[in-house]
Every structure is written in C-alpha cells, then in structure tokens.
Amino acid sequence: MNTKDNKRRRESRERIEKVFIELLQTFELDKVSVSDICKKAELNRTTFYANYTDIYELADSVRAKLEAQTVEFNRSGTESYNRHDYLQLFRHIYENQLFYKTYFKLGYDNQYQIIGYDTELAQKEFHDRFIDYHCEFFRSGLTAIIKLWLNGGCKETPEELFEVITSEYKGRTQI
C-alpha cells in the first residue's frame, strides 16, 4: 500500500470514528448502524467494512484510542505530577468533555481502575479492614460524580468538583 492509500485509509477511519462518536452522543451503541455512519460520513459501506468488521470492532477501536489518550494524559504531566491530583483530572475532563462522555457511553467505565487510591492510608484509617470495599466505594463514587457532572454539562468548575471530593473523602485520597 502506498503513502496515498495509507493517507486515504487513515482519513476514512478518522471520519468514521468522528461520526460514530457524534452518533453516540444521541443514541445508544446498539442503535447506531453502519448505514447511519456511512450516510453521515458520506462514505460507502465497503469503505466501512474495509476498516472494521462491525460496529463493535469500531467501538473497541475507539475505546482503545480513548484509553491510550488517558494513559498519555497521566504520563504527560509535569515531573511533579501526582496521580492523586484530582483537580488536574477534573480540568482534563472539563477540557475534553466529548472524550469522556464517549468513554462512559461505551460502557467501559466499569473496567476503569483507580490506581491512585492510597491503600496505605486507607489501611491506617480503616484499621486494615475491608480495604477492597473502601477502594471500590471510592472508585464507584468518583465515577458517579464524574458522570453526573458530565451529564449536567460540567456547569461546576473543576475546582468545585475537587472541593466535593476533598470534603467527601476528608484527605483519604492523598489529594
């Protein structure tokens, strides 16, 4: 495949993914069709199938890109980046709302793992009991707060969301 074909294929994939993400903001995954994507992207079905076997492969591809961007965000901080810096996370979410809405819309958030929960502090705070439950409570709570914020159009500032987390978890998150 020559450079021109590679460029055309990359552009087709980008158009398909962009339209797919747009459609996901209005419809559930099982309501998005290849026909809808092709019509809105102004591409033939053969172009879609030359790039993806079906909607679910496309969804997996988009998910993988979203996760790679999240990993890159976590790595791209300054040398002093603290993975417990939820204010930085909230600012990133605020600046990339469509990205996060799509991630949650695809339903992959249940697989997301908060690595930054301070288990040592939790072990002290909770006398080394039921740590897995406390971690899950925190992960689920944080995810629910982020979803609620996104669904409300991120009307509160990242600083206000940070204040909510800080007050709810009273320092156990090492913020």
N, C-alpha and C. Protein backbone atom coordinates (compact mmCIF):
# COMPACT_ATOMS: atom_id res chain seq x y z
N MET A 1 0.85 -1.17 0.00
CA MET A 1 0.00 0.00 0.00
C MET A 1 0.89 1.23 0.00
N ASN A 2 0.62 2.16 -0.89
CA ASN A 2 1.47 3.34 -0.96
C ASN A 2 1.01 4.42 0.02
N THR A 3 1.78 5.49 0.09
CA THR A 3 1.52 6.57 1.05
C THR A 3 0.16 7.21 0.83
N LYS A 4 -0.23 7.37 -0.43
CA LYS A 4 -1.52 7.99 -0.75
C LYS A 4 -2.67 7.11 -0.24
N ASP A 5 -2.56 5.78 -0.42
CA ASP A 5 -3.58 4.86 0.08
C ASP A 5 -3.64 4.87 1.60
N ASN A 6 -2.47 4.92 2.25
CA ASN A 6 -2.42 4.98 3.72
C ASN A 6 -3.11 6.24 4.23
N LYS A 7 -2.85 7.35 3.57
CA LYS A 7 -3.46 8.61 3.98
C LYS A 7 -4.98 8.55 3.80
N ARG A 8 -5.43 8.02 2.69
CA ARG A 8 -6.86 7.91 2.42
C ARG A 8 -7.53 6.99 3.44
N ARG A 9 -6.87 5.89 3.74
CA ARG A 9 -7.43 4.95 4.73
C ARG A 9 -7.50 5.60 6.11
N ARG A 10 -6.45 6.31 6.51
CA ARG A 10 -6.43 7.00 7.81
C ARG A 10 -7.53 8.05 7.87
N GLU A 11 -7.70 8.81 6.79
CA GLU A 11 -8.75 9.83 6.74
C GLU A 11 -10.13 9.20 6.83
N SER A 12 -10.33 8.07 6.16
CA SER A 12 -11.61 7.37 6.22
C SER A 12 -11.90 6.90 7.63
N ARG A 13 -10.90 6.31 8.27
CA ARG A 13 -11.07 5.84 9.66
C ARG A 13 -11.40 7.01 10.59
N GLU A 14 -10.71 8.12 10.41
CA GLU A 14 -10.97 9.30 11.24
C GLU A 14 -12.39 9.81 11.05
N ARG A 15 -12.87 9.84 9.81
CA ARG A 15 -14.25 10.29 9.54
C ARG A 15 -15.25 9.33 10.16
N ILE A 16 -15.01 8.04 10.00
CA ILE A 16 -15.91 7.04 10.57
C ILE A 16 -15.95 7.19 12.09
N GLU A 17 -14.80 7.30 12.72
CA GLU A 17 -14.74 7.41 14.18
C GLU A 17 -15.38 8.71 14.67
N LYS A 18 -15.16 9.80 13.97
CA LYS A 18 -15.75 11.08 14.35
C LYS A 18 -17.27 11.01 14.30
N VAL A 19 -17.81 10.47 13.22
CA VAL A 19 -19.26 10.35 13.08
C VAL A 19 -19.81 9.38 14.12
N PHE A 20 -19.12 8.30 14.36
CA PHE A 20 -19.53 7.33 15.37
C PHE A 20 -19.64 7.99 16.75
N ILE A 21 -18.64 8.77 17.11
CA ILE A 21 -18.65 9.47 18.40
C ILE A 21 -19.81 10.46 18.46
N GLU A 22 -20.05 11.17 17.37
CA GLU A 22 -21.19 12.11 17.33
C GLU A 22 -22.51 11.37 17.53
N LEU A 23 -22.67 10.25 16.84
CA LEU A 23 -23.92 9.49 16.95
C LEU A 23 -24.11 8.92 18.36
N LEU A 24 -23.02 8.56 19.00
CA LEU A 24 -23.10 8.02 20.35
C LEU A 24 -23.61 9.04 21.37
N GLN A 25 -23.49 10.31 21.05
CA GLN A 25 -23.98 11.33 21.97
C GLN A 25 -25.50 11.40 21.97
N THR A 26 -26.12 10.84 20.93
CA THR A 26 -27.58 10.85 20.81
C THR A 26 -28.19 9.47 20.97
N PHE A 27 -27.48 8.43 20.51
CA PHE A 27 -28.03 7.08 20.50
C PHE A 27 -27.16 6.13 21.32
N GLU A 28 -27.79 5.08 21.81
CA GLU A 28 -27.04 4.00 22.47
C GLU A 28 -26.29 3.21 21.40
N LEU A 29 -25.26 2.51 21.81
CA LEU A 29 -24.41 1.77 20.88
C LEU A 29 -25.23 0.83 20.00
N ASP A 30 -26.17 0.11 20.59
CA ASP A 30 -26.94 -0.87 19.80
C ASP A 30 -27.93 -0.22 18.83
N LYS A 31 -28.06 1.10 18.88
CA LYS A 31 -28.95 1.82 17.96
C LYS A 31 -28.17 2.51 16.84
N VAL A 32 -26.85 2.47 16.91
CA VAL A 32 -26.02 3.06 15.86
C VAL A 32 -25.79 2.00 14.79
N SER A 33 -26.05 2.36 13.55
CA SER A 33 -25.89 1.39 12.46
C SER A 33 -24.77 1.82 11.52
N VAL A 34 -24.26 0.84 10.80
CA VAL A 34 -23.25 1.10 9.78
C VAL A 34 -23.82 2.05 8.73
N SER A 35 -25.08 1.86 8.37
CA SER A 35 -25.72 2.74 7.38
C SER A 35 -25.74 4.19 7.85
N ASP A 36 -26.09 4.39 9.13
CA ASP A 36 -26.12 5.76 9.68
C ASP A 36 -24.74 6.40 9.61
N ILE A 37 -23.73 5.64 9.97
CA ILE A 37 -22.36 6.14 9.96
C ILE A 37 -21.94 6.50 8.54
N CYS A 38 -22.19 5.59 7.61
CA CYS A 38 -21.77 5.81 6.22
C CYS A 38 -22.50 7.01 5.61
N LYS A 39 -23.78 7.12 5.89
CA LYS A 39 -24.55 8.23 5.35
C LYS A 39 -24.02 9.56 5.87
N LYS A 40 -23.83 9.65 7.18
CA LYS A 40 -23.37 10.90 7.78
C LYS A 40 -21.91 11.21 7.42
N ALA A 41 -21.09 10.18 7.28
CA ALA A 41 -19.68 10.37 6.92
C ALA A 41 -19.49 10.52 5.41
N GLU A 42 -20.55 10.28 4.66
CA GLU A 42 -20.52 10.33 3.20
C GLU A 42 -19.48 9.37 2.64
N LEU A 43 -19.58 8.12 3.14
CA LEU A 43 -18.69 7.04 2.69
C LEU A 43 -19.54 5.85 2.30
N ASN A 44 -18.98 4.98 1.47
CA ASN A 44 -19.66 3.75 1.10
C ASN A 44 -19.52 2.71 2.21
N ARG A 45 -20.46 1.78 2.24
CA ARG A 45 -20.38 0.70 3.22
C ARG A 45 -19.10 -0.11 3.03
N THR A 46 -18.67 -0.25 1.78
CA THR A 46 -17.44 -1.02 1.54
C THR A 46 -16.23 -0.35 2.21
N THR A 47 -16.25 0.97 2.29
CA THR A 47 -15.17 1.68 2.98
C THR A 47 -15.21 1.35 4.46
N PHE A 48 -16.42 1.35 5.03
CA PHE A 48 -16.54 1.00 6.45
C PHE A 48 -15.99 -0.41 6.67
N TYR A 49 -16.46 -1.37 5.88
CA TYR A 49 -16.06 -2.76 6.08
C TYR A 49 -14.61 -3.04 5.69
N ALA A 50 -14.01 -2.16 4.94
CA ALA A 50 -12.57 -2.29 4.66
C ALA A 50 -11.75 -1.92 5.90
N ASN A 51 -12.38 -1.20 6.82
CA ASN A 51 -11.68 -0.74 8.03
C ASN A 51 -12.11 -1.46 9.30
N TYR A 52 -13.36 -1.88 9.36
CA TYR A 52 -13.90 -2.53 10.57
C TYR A 52 -14.83 -3.67 10.16
N THR A 53 -14.84 -4.71 10.97
CA THR A 53 -15.74 -5.83 10.65
C THR A 53 -17.17 -5.52 11.04
N ASP A 54 -17.36 -4.70 12.09
CA ASP A 54 -18.70 -4.33 12.52
C ASP A 54 -18.63 -3.16 13.50
N ILE A 55 -19.77 -2.74 13.99
CA ILE A 55 -19.87 -1.61 14.93
C ILE A 55 -19.05 -1.90 16.19
N TYR A 56 -19.05 -3.13 16.63
CA TYR A 56 -18.38 -3.47 17.89
C TYR A 56 -16.86 -3.41 17.77
N GLU A 57 -16.34 -3.75 16.62
CA GLU A 57 -14.91 -3.57 16.41
C GLU A 57 -14.57 -2.08 16.37
N LEU A 58 -15.43 -1.30 15.74
CA LEU A 58 -15.25 0.15 15.73
C LEU A 58 -15.28 0.69 17.17
N ALA A 59 -16.24 0.24 17.96
CA ALA A 59 -16.34 0.67 19.36
C ALA A 59 -15.07 0.30 20.13
N ASP A 60 -14.57 -0.90 19.91
CA ASP A 60 -13.34 -1.33 20.58
C ASP A 60 -12.15 -0.49 20.16
N SER A 61 -12.10 -0.14 18.89
CA SER A 61 -11.02 0.69 18.37
C SER A 61 -11.07 2.08 19.01
N VAL A 62 -12.26 2.65 19.08
CA VAL A 62 -12.42 3.96 19.71
C VAL A 62 -12.06 3.88 21.19
N ARG A 63 -12.51 2.84 21.87
CA ARG A 63 -12.19 2.65 23.29
C ARG A 63 -10.69 2.58 23.50
N ALA A 64 -10.01 1.82 22.65
CA ALA A 64 -8.55 1.68 22.77
C ALA A 64 -7.86 3.04 22.61
N LYS A 65 -8.35 3.84 21.67
CA LYS A 65 -7.77 5.17 21.49
C LYS A 65 -8.04 6.06 22.69
N LEU A 66 -9.25 5.97 23.23
CA LEU A 66 -9.59 6.77 24.42
C LEU A 66 -8.71 6.37 25.60
N GLU A 67 -8.52 5.08 25.78
CA GLU A 67 -7.67 4.62 26.88
C GLU A 67 -6.22 5.04 26.68
N ALA A 68 -5.75 4.98 25.44
CA ALA A 68 -4.37 5.40 25.15
C ALA A 68 -4.21 6.89 25.45
N GLN A 69 -5.23 7.68 25.12
CA GLN A 69 -5.17 9.11 25.42
C GLN A 69 -5.16 9.35 26.93
N THR A 70 -5.91 8.55 27.68
CA THR A 70 -5.94 8.68 29.13
C THR A 70 -4.57 8.34 29.72
N VAL A 71 -3.97 7.28 29.23
CA VAL A 71 -2.63 6.90 29.70
C VAL A 71 -1.65 8.01 29.37
N GLU A 72 -1.76 8.57 28.18
CA GLU A 72 -0.88 9.66 27.77
C GLU A 72 -1.08 10.88 28.67
N PHE A 73 -2.33 11.17 29.01
CA PHE A 73 -2.62 12.29 29.93
C PHE A 73 -1.92 12.06 31.26
N ASN A 74 -1.99 10.84 31.77
CA ASN A 74 -1.37 10.53 33.05
C ASN A 74 0.15 10.63 32.99
N ARG A 75 0.72 10.36 31.84
CA ARG A 75 2.18 10.44 31.67
C ARG A 75 2.65 11.84 31.34
N SER A 76 1.77 12.65 30.75
CA SER A 76 2.21 13.92 30.19
C SER A 76 2.29 15.04 31.21
N GLY A 77 1.95 14.78 32.44
CA GLY A 77 2.04 15.82 33.46
C GLY A 77 3.48 16.22 33.69
N THR A 78 3.64 17.24 34.46
CA THR A 78 4.99 17.69 34.77
C THR A 78 5.66 16.63 35.62
N GLU A 79 6.95 16.81 35.87
CA GLU A 79 7.67 15.84 36.70
C GLU A 79 7.05 15.73 38.07
N SER A 80 6.40 16.79 38.52
CA SER A 80 5.80 16.76 39.85
C SER A 80 4.36 16.26 39.80
N TYR A 81 3.93 15.73 38.65
CA TYR A 81 2.56 15.24 38.55
C TYR A 81 2.31 14.19 39.62
N ASN A 82 1.21 14.36 40.31
CA ASN A 82 0.80 13.45 41.35
C ASN A 82 -0.46 12.74 40.87
N ARG A 83 -0.43 11.45 40.79
CA ARG A 83 -1.59 10.73 40.26
C ARG A 83 -2.80 10.90 41.15
N HIS A 84 -2.63 11.46 42.33
CA HIS A 84 -3.74 11.74 43.23
C HIS A 84 -4.30 13.15 43.01
N ASP A 85 -3.81 13.83 42.01
CA ASP A 85 -4.23 15.20 41.77
C ASP A 85 -5.54 15.21 40.99
N TYR A 86 -6.63 15.10 41.71
CA TYR A 86 -7.93 15.04 41.06
C TYR A 86 -8.33 16.37 40.45
N LEU A 87 -7.77 17.46 40.93
CA LEU A 87 -8.05 18.74 40.30
C LEU A 87 -7.54 18.73 38.86
N GLN A 88 -6.36 18.19 38.65
CA GLN A 88 -5.82 18.07 37.29
C GLN A 88 -6.73 17.16 36.45
N LEU A 89 -7.21 16.07 37.04
CA LEU A 89 -8.13 15.17 36.33
C LEU A 89 -9.40 15.92 35.95
N PHE A 90 -9.99 16.66 36.89
CA PHE A 90 -11.23 17.39 36.60
C PHE A 90 -11.02 18.45 35.53
N ARG A 91 -9.86 19.07 35.53
CA ARG A 91 -9.57 20.05 34.48
C ARG A 91 -9.48 19.36 33.12
N HIS A 92 -8.86 18.19 33.08
CA HIS A 92 -8.76 17.44 31.84
C HIS A 92 -10.15 17.02 31.35
N ILE A 93 -10.98 16.56 32.24
CA ILE A 93 -12.34 16.17 31.88
C ILE A 93 -13.09 17.38 31.33
N TYR A 94 -12.98 18.50 32.01
CA TYR A 94 -13.67 19.72 31.59
C TYR A 94 -13.26 20.13 30.18
N GLU A 95 -11.98 20.02 29.87
CA GLU A 95 -11.45 20.41 28.56
C GLU A 95 -11.73 19.36 27.48
N ASN A 96 -12.09 18.14 27.88
CA ASN A 96 -12.28 17.04 26.93
C ASN A 96 -13.60 16.31 27.21
N GLN A 97 -14.66 17.07 27.33
CA GLN A 97 -15.95 16.50 27.72
C GLN A 97 -16.45 15.44 26.74
N LEU A 98 -16.36 15.70 25.46
CA LEU A 98 -16.83 14.73 24.47
C LEU A 98 -16.09 13.41 24.60
N PHE A 99 -14.80 13.48 24.80
CA PHE A 99 -13.96 12.31 25.00
C PHE A 99 -14.50 11.45 26.16
N TYR A 100 -14.73 12.08 27.31
CA TYR A 100 -15.18 11.33 28.48
C TYR A 100 -16.63 10.86 28.35
N LYS A 101 -17.48 11.69 27.76
CA LYS A 101 -18.87 11.26 27.53
C LYS A 101 -18.89 10.00 26.67
N THR A 102 -18.05 9.98 25.65
CA THR A 102 -17.97 8.82 24.76
C THR A 102 -17.49 7.59 25.51
N TYR A 103 -16.47 7.76 26.31
CA TYR A 103 -15.93 6.64 27.08
C TYR A 103 -17.01 6.02 27.96
N PHE A 104 -17.74 6.88 28.67
CA PHE A 104 -18.80 6.38 29.54
C PHE A 104 -19.97 5.82 28.73
N LYS A 105 -20.26 6.44 27.61
CA LYS A 105 -21.36 5.98 26.75
C LYS A 105 -21.08 4.57 26.23
N LEU A 106 -19.82 4.26 25.98
CA LEU A 106 -19.45 2.93 25.51
C LEU A 106 -19.50 1.89 26.63
N GLY A 107 -19.68 2.36 27.86
CA GLY A 107 -19.83 1.44 28.98
C GLY A 107 -18.55 0.81 29.47
N TYR A 108 -17.42 1.39 29.14
CA TYR A 108 -16.15 0.80 29.55
C TYR A 108 -15.70 1.28 30.93
N ASP A 109 -16.44 2.18 31.53
CA ASP A 109 -16.02 2.73 32.81
C ASP A 109 -16.00 1.70 33.93
N ASN A 110 -16.75 0.63 33.80
CA ASN A 110 -16.72 -0.41 34.82
C ASN A 110 -15.39 -1.14 34.85
N GLN A 111 -14.63 -1.03 33.75
CA GLN A 111 -13.32 -1.66 33.69
C GLN A 111 -12.22 -0.73 34.19
N TYR A 112 -12.55 0.53 34.37
CA TYR A 112 -11.56 1.53 34.79
C TYR A 112 -11.15 1.26 36.23
N GLN A 113 -9.89 1.32 36.48
CA GLN A 113 -9.37 1.08 37.82
C GLN A 113 -8.68 2.34 38.34
N ILE A 114 -9.12 2.82 39.49
CA ILE A 114 -8.44 3.94 40.14
C ILE A 114 -7.16 3.38 40.73
N ILE A 115 -6.03 3.77 40.18
CA ILE A 115 -4.77 3.26 40.72
C ILE A 115 -4.28 4.17 41.83
N GLY A 116 -4.84 5.37 41.87
CA GLY A 116 -4.32 6.35 42.80
C GLY A 116 -4.91 6.31 44.19
N TYR A 117 -5.77 5.36 44.49
CA TYR A 117 -6.32 5.30 45.83
C TYR A 117 -5.21 4.89 46.79
N ASP A 118 -5.08 5.65 47.84
CA ASP A 118 -3.98 5.42 48.79
C ASP A 118 -4.37 4.29 49.74
N THR A 119 -4.00 3.08 49.39
CA THR A 119 -4.37 1.92 50.21
C THR A 119 -3.65 1.93 51.55
N GLU A 120 -2.43 2.46 51.60
CA GLU A 120 -1.72 2.52 52.89
C GLU A 120 -2.47 3.42 53.86
N LEU A 121 -2.91 4.58 53.38
CA LEU A 121 -3.67 5.49 54.22
C LEU A 121 -5.00 4.85 54.62
N ALA A 122 -5.64 4.19 53.66
CA ALA A 122 -6.91 3.52 53.96
C ALA A 122 -6.71 2.41 54.99
N GLN A 123 -5.60 1.68 54.89
CA GLN A 123 -5.33 0.62 55.87
C GLN A 123 -5.21 1.20 57.28
N LYS A 124 -4.58 2.36 57.39
CA LYS A 124 -4.47 3.01 58.70
C LYS A 124 -5.84 3.53 59.14
N GLU A 125 -6.50 4.23 58.24
CA GLU A 125 -7.79 4.85 58.55
C GLU A 125 -8.84 3.81 58.94
N PHE A 126 -8.84 2.68 58.24
CA PHE A 126 -9.86 1.66 58.46
C PHE A 126 -9.31 0.41 59.16
N HIS A 127 -8.18 0.58 59.81
CA HIS A 127 -7.57 -0.49 60.61
C HIS A 127 -7.34 -1.77 59.80
N ASP A 128 -6.93 -1.55 58.54
CA ASP A 128 -6.60 -2.65 57.63
C ASP A 128 -7.75 -3.63 57.43
N ARG A 129 -8.96 -3.11 57.47
CA ARG A 129 -10.14 -3.96 57.29
C ARG A 129 -10.94 -3.51 56.07
N PHE A 130 -11.35 -4.45 55.30
CA PHE A 130 -12.28 -4.23 54.18
C PHE A 130 -11.74 -3.22 53.16
N ILE A 131 -10.44 -3.24 52.94
CA ILE A 131 -9.81 -2.26 52.05
C ILE A 131 -10.36 -2.35 50.63
N ASP A 132 -10.58 -3.56 50.13
CA ASP A 132 -11.14 -3.70 48.78
C ASP A 132 -12.49 -3.01 48.66
N TYR A 133 -13.30 -3.08 49.71
CA TYR A 133 -14.61 -2.44 49.70
C TYR A 133 -14.48 -0.92 49.71
N HIS A 134 -13.55 -0.43 50.51
CA HIS A 134 -13.33 1.02 50.55
C HIS A 134 -12.82 1.54 49.21
N CYS A 135 -11.91 0.78 48.59
CA CYS A 135 -11.40 1.17 47.27
C CYS A 135 -12.53 1.19 46.24
N GLU A 136 -13.36 0.18 46.25
CA GLU A 136 -14.48 0.11 45.30
C GLU A 136 -15.48 1.23 45.55
N PHE A 137 -15.74 1.52 46.82
CA PHE A 137 -16.65 2.61 47.17
C PHE A 137 -16.12 3.92 46.60
N PHE A 138 -14.84 4.17 46.76
CA PHE A 138 -14.23 5.39 46.24
C PHE A 138 -14.29 5.43 44.71
N ARG A 139 -13.88 4.33 44.07
CA ARG A 139 -13.88 4.27 42.61
C ARG A 139 -15.27 4.52 42.05
N SER A 140 -16.25 3.83 42.62
CA SER A 140 -17.63 3.98 42.14
C SER A 140 -18.16 5.38 42.39
N GLY A 141 -17.85 5.91 43.56
CA GLY A 141 -18.31 7.26 43.89
C GLY A 141 -17.71 8.31 42.97
N LEU A 142 -16.41 8.20 42.73
CA LEU A 142 -15.74 9.15 41.85
C LEU A 142 -16.30 9.06 40.43
N THR A 143 -16.49 7.84 39.96
CA THR A 143 -17.05 7.64 38.62
C THR A 143 -18.45 8.23 38.53
N ALA A 144 -19.28 8.00 39.54
CA ALA A 144 -20.65 8.52 39.54
C ALA A 144 -20.66 10.05 39.55
N ILE A 145 -19.76 10.65 40.31
CA ILE A 145 -19.68 12.11 40.37
C ILE A 145 -19.26 12.66 39.01
N ILE A 146 -18.29 12.04 38.38
CA ILE A 146 -17.83 12.48 37.05
C ILE A 146 -18.96 12.37 36.03
N LYS A 147 -19.69 11.25 36.03
CA LYS A 147 -20.80 11.07 35.09
C LYS A 147 -21.88 12.12 35.31
N LEU A 148 -22.23 12.36 36.57
CA LEU A 148 -23.25 13.35 36.90
C LEU A 148 -22.82 14.73 36.42
N TRP A 149 -21.57 15.06 36.64
CA TRP A 149 -21.03 16.34 36.20
C TRP A 149 -21.08 16.47 34.68
N LEU A 150 -20.66 15.43 33.97
CA LEU A 150 -20.70 15.46 32.51
C LEU A 150 -22.13 15.56 31.98
N ASN A 151 -23.03 14.78 32.56
CA ASN A 151 -24.42 14.80 32.11
C ASN A 151 -25.08 16.16 32.36
N GLY A 152 -24.59 16.89 33.35
CA GLY A 152 -25.10 18.22 33.63
C GLY A 152 -24.41 19.31 32.84
N GLY A 153 -23.53 18.93 31.93
CA GLY A 153 -22.84 19.90 31.09
C GLY A 153 -21.65 20.57 31.77
N CYS A 154 -21.12 19.97 32.81
CA CYS A 154 -19.95 20.49 33.54
C CYS A 154 -20.16 21.96 33.94
N LYS A 155 -21.32 22.22 34.54
CA LYS A 155 -21.64 23.59 34.96
C LYS A 155 -20.75 24.06 36.11
N GLU A 156 -20.40 23.13 36.99
CA GLU A 156 -19.50 23.49 38.08
C GLU A 156 -18.07 23.52 37.54
N THR A 157 -17.23 24.28 38.19
CA THR A 157 -15.84 24.35 37.77
C THR A 157 -15.09 23.11 38.26
N PRO A 158 -13.95 22.82 37.64
CA PRO A 158 -13.12 21.72 38.15
C PRO A 158 -12.75 21.93 39.63
N GLU A 159 -12.54 23.17 40.01
CA GLU A 159 -12.20 23.47 41.40
C GLU A 159 -13.35 23.11 42.35
N GLU A 160 -14.58 23.35 41.90
CA GLU A 160 -15.73 23.00 42.74
C GLU A 160 -15.87 21.48 42.88
N LEU A 161 -15.61 20.74 41.80
CA LEU A 161 -15.66 19.27 41.88
C LEU A 161 -14.56 18.75 42.79
N PHE A 162 -13.39 19.36 42.71
CA PHE A 162 -12.28 19.00 43.58
C PHE A 162 -12.68 19.22 45.04
N GLU A 163 -13.38 20.30 45.30
CA GLU A 163 -13.85 20.60 46.66
C GLU A 163 -14.82 19.52 47.15
N VAL A 164 -15.68 19.04 46.26
CA VAL A 164 -16.62 17.97 46.62
C VAL A 164 -15.85 16.72 47.04
N ILE A 165 -14.89 16.32 46.21
CA ILE A 165 -14.10 15.12 46.52
C ILE A 165 -13.33 15.29 47.82
N THR A 166 -12.71 16.44 47.97
CA THR A 166 -11.92 16.69 49.18
C THR A 166 -12.80 16.62 50.43
N SER A 167 -13.97 17.23 50.37
CA SER A 167 -14.83 17.23 51.55
C SER A 167 -15.43 15.85 51.82
N GLU A 168 -15.75 15.11 50.77
CA GLU A 168 -16.33 13.78 50.95
C GLU A 168 -15.34 12.76 51.49
N TYR A 169 -14.11 12.85 51.04
CA TYR A 169 -13.14 11.82 51.39
C TYR A 169 -12.12 12.28 52.41
N LYS A 170 -12.28 13.50 52.90
CA LYS A 170 -11.51 14.03 54.02
C LYS A 170 -10.05 13.60 54.06
N GLY A 171 -9.37 13.78 52.95
CA GLY A 171 -7.93 13.54 52.93
C GLY A 171 -7.51 12.11 52.66
N ARG A 172 -8.43 11.18 52.61
CA ARG A 172 -8.03 9.78 52.39
C ARG A 172 -7.56 9.53 50.97
N THR A 173 -7.75 10.49 50.10
CA THR A 173 -7.35 10.30 48.71
C THR A 173 -5.97 10.89 48.43
N GLN A 174 -5.31 11.39 49.39
CA GLN A 174 -3.98 11.99 49.24
C GLN A 174 -4.00 13.08 48.18
N ILE A 175 -4.97 13.93 48.22
CA ILE A 175 -5.10 15.00 47.22
C ILE A 175 -4.08 16.07 47.54
